[in-house]
């Protein structure tokens, strides 16, 4: 099955970059706001964007940023309600890893043909 999802791959890479680069503080909120804007507009073909998983990880790893953005009301209730669908950050990370593997396998298969 073809899982070529360039937009999703970019979103996943950006999310990883944000988590590694931006601390859980006020100065990081702008970067996360921009990311959430991209996340809400992503267009995928075969794979569902892992919104609930990303929000679960954000809530766990950057609680101040998560809570501040939530309190600002900048994003729809839908986005923040997604955190209830993934029970643990570990499960969320595992699902993101599986999605990355599917995308990478598809990219490798395309290159080998």
C-alpha atoms as a PDB file:
ATOM      1  CA  UNK A   1       0.000   0.000   0.000  1.00  0.00           C
ATOM      2  CA  UNK A   2       1.283   3.454  -0.895  1.00  0.00           C
ATOM      3  CA  UNK A   3       1.688   5.750   2.090  1.00  0.00           C
ATOM      4  CA  UNK A   4       3.462   8.650   0.430  1.00  0.00           C
ATOM      5  CA  UNK A   5       2.477  11.514   2.677  1.00  0.00           C
ATOM      6  CA  UNK A   6       4.921  14.411   2.217  1.00  0.00           C
ATOM      7  CA  UNK A   7       2.840  16.892   4.245  1.00  0.00           C
ATOM      8  CA  UNK A   8       2.418  14.423   7.086  1.00  0.00           C
ATOM      9  CA  UNK A   9       6.123  13.623   7.045  1.00  0.00           C
ATOM     10  CA  UNK A  10       6.934  17.333   7.289  1.00  0.00           C
ATOM     11  CA  UNK A  11       4.497  17.756  10.179  1.00  0.00           C
ATOM     12  CA  UNK A  12       6.047  14.814  12.059  1.00  0.00           C
ATOM     13  CA  UNK A  13       9.562  16.159  11.521  1.00  0.00           C
ATOM     14  CA  UNK A  14       8.511  19.635  12.637  1.00  0.00           C
ATOM     15  CA  UNK A  15       6.860  18.243  15.754  1.00  0.00           C
ATOM     16  CA  UNK A  16      10.024  16.342  16.691  1.00  0.00           C
ATOM     17  CA  UNK A  17      12.093  19.476  16.094  1.00  0.00           C
ATOM     18  CA  UNK A  18       9.823  21.613  18.286  1.00  0.00           C
ATOM     19  CA  UNK A  19       9.899  19.119  21.137  1.00  0.00           C
ATOM     20  CA  UNK A  20      13.694  18.957  21.047  1.00  0.00           C
ATOM     21  CA  UNK A  21      14.367  22.656  20.470  1.00  0.00           C
ATOM     22  CA  UNK A  22      11.729  24.715  22.261  1.00  0.00           C
ATOM     23  CA  UNK A  23      11.485  24.578  26.066  1.00  0.00           C
ATOM     24  CA  UNK A  24       8.249  24.542  28.024  1.00  0.00           C
ATOM     25  CA  UNK A  25       8.045  28.313  28.520  1.00  0.00           C
ATOM     26  CA  UNK A  26       6.272  31.446  27.341  1.00  0.00           C
ATOM     27  CA  UNK A  27       8.811  32.203  24.597  1.00  0.00           C
ATOM     28  CA  UNK A  28       7.952  28.898  22.890  1.00  0.00           C
ATOM     29  CA  UNK A  29       4.223  29.477  22.556  1.00  0.00           C
ATOM     30  CA  UNK A  30       4.458  31.330  19.240  1.00  0.00           C
ATOM     31  CA  UNK A  31       6.325  28.431  17.606  1.00  0.00           C
ATOM     32  CA  UNK A  32       3.775  25.908  18.859  1.00  0.00           C
ATOM     33  CA  UNK A  33       0.889  28.122  17.741  1.00  0.00           C
ATOM     34  CA  UNK A  34       2.333  28.178  14.232  1.00  0.00           C
ATOM     35  CA  UNK A  35       2.735  24.417  14.298  1.00  0.00           C
ATOM     36  CA  UNK A  36      -0.858  23.880  15.416  1.00  0.00           C
ATOM     37  CA  UNK A  37      -2.030  26.067  12.533  1.00  0.00           C
ATOM     38  CA  UNK A  38      -0.179  23.760  10.137  1.00  0.00           C
ATOM     39  CA  UNK A  39      -1.480  20.651  11.875  1.00  0.00           C
ATOM     40  CA  UNK A  40      -5.092  21.755  11.513  1.00  0.00           C
ATOM     41  CA  UNK A  41      -4.647  22.353   7.777  1.00  0.00           C
ATOM     42  CA  UNK A  42      -2.742  19.201   6.808  1.00  0.00           C
ATOM     43  CA  UNK A  43      -3.958  17.299   3.760  1.00  0.00           C
ATOM     44  CA  UNK A  44      -3.305  13.548   3.774  1.00  0.00           C
ATOM     45  CA  UNK A  45      -4.198  10.800   1.323  1.00  0.00           C
ATOM     46  CA  UNK A  46      -3.943   7.401   2.985  1.00  0.00           C
ATOM     47  CA  UNK A  47      -2.995   8.043   6.607  1.00  0.00           C
ATOM     48  CA  UNK A  48      -4.991   9.930   9.204  1.00  0.00           C
ATOM     49  CA  UNK A  49      -3.094  12.799  10.833  1.00  0.00           C
ATOM     50  CA  UNK A  50      -2.156  11.735  14.371  1.00  0.00           C
ATOM     51  CA  UNK A  51      -3.668  14.793  16.048  1.00  0.00           C
ATOM     52  CA  UNK A  52      -4.687  13.070  19.277  1.00  0.00           C
ATOM     53  CA  UNK A  53      -1.246  11.496  19.636  1.00  0.00           C
ATOM     54  CA  UNK A  54       0.549  14.791  19.079  1.00  0.00           C
ATOM     55  CA  UNK A  55      -1.681  16.602  21.540  1.00  0.00           C
ATOM     56  CA  UNK A  56      -1.142  13.835  24.116  1.00  0.00           C
ATOM     57  CA  UNK A  57       2.621  14.139  23.746  1.00  0.00           C
ATOM     58  CA  UNK A  58       2.480  17.935  23.859  1.00  0.00           C
ATOM     59  CA  UNK A  59       0.335  17.829  27.005  1.00  0.00           C
ATOM     60  CA  UNK A  60       2.799  15.445  28.662  1.00  0.00           C
ATOM     61  CA  UNK A  61       6.131  16.904  27.504  1.00  0.00           C
ATOM     62  CA  UNK A  62       5.263  20.618  27.370  1.00  0.00           C
ATOM     63  CA  UNK A  63       2.468  21.058  29.935  1.00  0.00           C
ATOM     64  CA  UNK A  64       2.915  24.823  30.315  1.00  0.00           C
ATOM     65  CA  UNK A  65       2.788  25.441  26.563  1.00  0.00           C
ATOM     66  CA  UNK A  66      -0.169  23.091  26.185  1.00  0.00           C
ATOM     67  CA  UNK A  67      -2.165  24.687  28.994  1.00  0.00           C
ATOM     68  CA  UNK A  68      -1.380  28.248  27.896  1.00  0.00           C
ATOM     69  CA  UNK A  69      -2.465  27.631  24.317  1.00  0.00           C
ATOM     70  CA  UNK A  70      -5.574  25.863  25.532  1.00  0.00           C
ATOM     71  CA  UNK A  71      -6.451  28.767  27.821  1.00  0.00           C
ATOM     72  CA  UNK A  72      -5.897  31.285  25.032  1.00  0.00           C
ATOM     73  CA  UNK A  73      -8.677  29.620  23.119  1.00  0.00           C
ATOM     74  CA  UNK A  74      -6.717  30.062  19.895  1.00  0.00           C
ATOM     75  CA  UNK A  75      -7.783  26.686  18.590  1.00  0.00           C
ATOM     76  CA  UNK A  76     -10.986  24.785  18.376  1.00  0.00           C
ATOM     77  CA  UNK A  77     -12.294  22.679  21.218  1.00  0.00           C
ATOM     78  CA  UNK A  78     -11.877  19.718  18.853  1.00  0.00           C
ATOM     79  CA  UNK A  79      -8.105  19.991  18.902  1.00  0.00           C
ATOM     80  CA  UNK A  80      -7.817  19.896  22.670  1.00  0.00           C
ATOM     81  CA  UNK A  81     -10.538  17.297  23.063  1.00  0.00           C
ATOM     82  CA  UNK A  82      -8.387  14.914  20.996  1.00  0.00           C
ATOM     83  CA  UNK A  83      -6.135  14.217  23.980  1.00  0.00           C
ATOM     84  CA  UNK A  84      -8.757  11.943  25.510  1.00  0.00           C
ATOM     85  CA  UNK A  85      -8.431   9.386  22.698  1.00  0.00           C
ATOM     86  CA  UNK A  86      -4.880   8.263  23.482  1.00  0.00           C
ATOM     87  CA  UNK A  87      -4.493   6.952  26.980  1.00  0.00           C
ATOM     88  CA  UNK A  88      -0.744   7.339  27.503  1.00  0.00           C
ATOM     89  CA  UNK A  89       2.158   9.292  26.020  1.00  0.00           C
ATOM     90  CA  UNK A  90       3.956   5.975  25.449  1.00  0.00           C
ATOM     91  CA  UNK A  91       1.123   4.707  23.233  1.00  0.00           C
ATOM     92  CA  UNK A  92       1.043   8.030  21.400  1.00  0.00           C
ATOM     93  CA  UNK A  93       4.779   7.848  20.689  1.00  0.00           C
ATOM     94  CA  UNK A  94       4.436   4.253  19.485  1.00  0.00           C
ATOM     95  CA  UNK A  95       1.712   5.257  17.028  1.00  0.00           C
ATOM     96  CA  UNK A  96       3.811   8.151  15.688  1.00  0.00           C
ATOM     97  CA  UNK A  97       6.715   5.737  15.233  1.00  0.00           C
ATOM     98  CA  UNK A  98       4.482   3.325  13.272  1.00  0.00           C
ATOM     99  CA  UNK A  99       3.289   6.144  11.018  1.00  0.00           C
ATOM    100  CA  UNK A 100       6.866   7.289  10.386  1.00  0.00           C
ATOM    101  CA  UNK A 101       7.840   3.723   9.473  1.00  0.00           C
ATOM    102  CA  UNK A 102       4.939   3.437   7.007  1.00  0.00           C
ATOM    103  CA  UNK A 103       5.937   6.682   5.331  1.00  0.00           C
ATOM    104  CA  UNK A 104       9.623   5.698   5.203  1.00  0.00           C
ATOM    105  CA  UNK A 105       8.818   2.255   3.784  1.00  0.00           C
ATOM    106  CA  UNK A 106       6.732   3.852   1.073  1.00  0.00           C
ATOM    107  CA  UNK A 107       9.508   6.290   0.216  1.00  0.00           C
ATOM    108  CA  UNK A 108      12.062   3.473   0.028  1.00  0.00           C
ATOM    109  CA  UNK A 109       9.776   1.371  -2.173  1.00  0.00           C
ATOM    110  CA  UNK A 110       9.283   4.275  -4.571  1.00  0.00           C
ATOM    111  CA  UNK A 111      13.027   4.894  -4.808  1.00  0.00           C
ATOM    112  CA  UNK A 112      13.781   1.240  -5.546  1.00  0.00           C
ATOM    113  CA  UNK A 113      11.370   1.053  -8.513  1.00  0.00           C
END
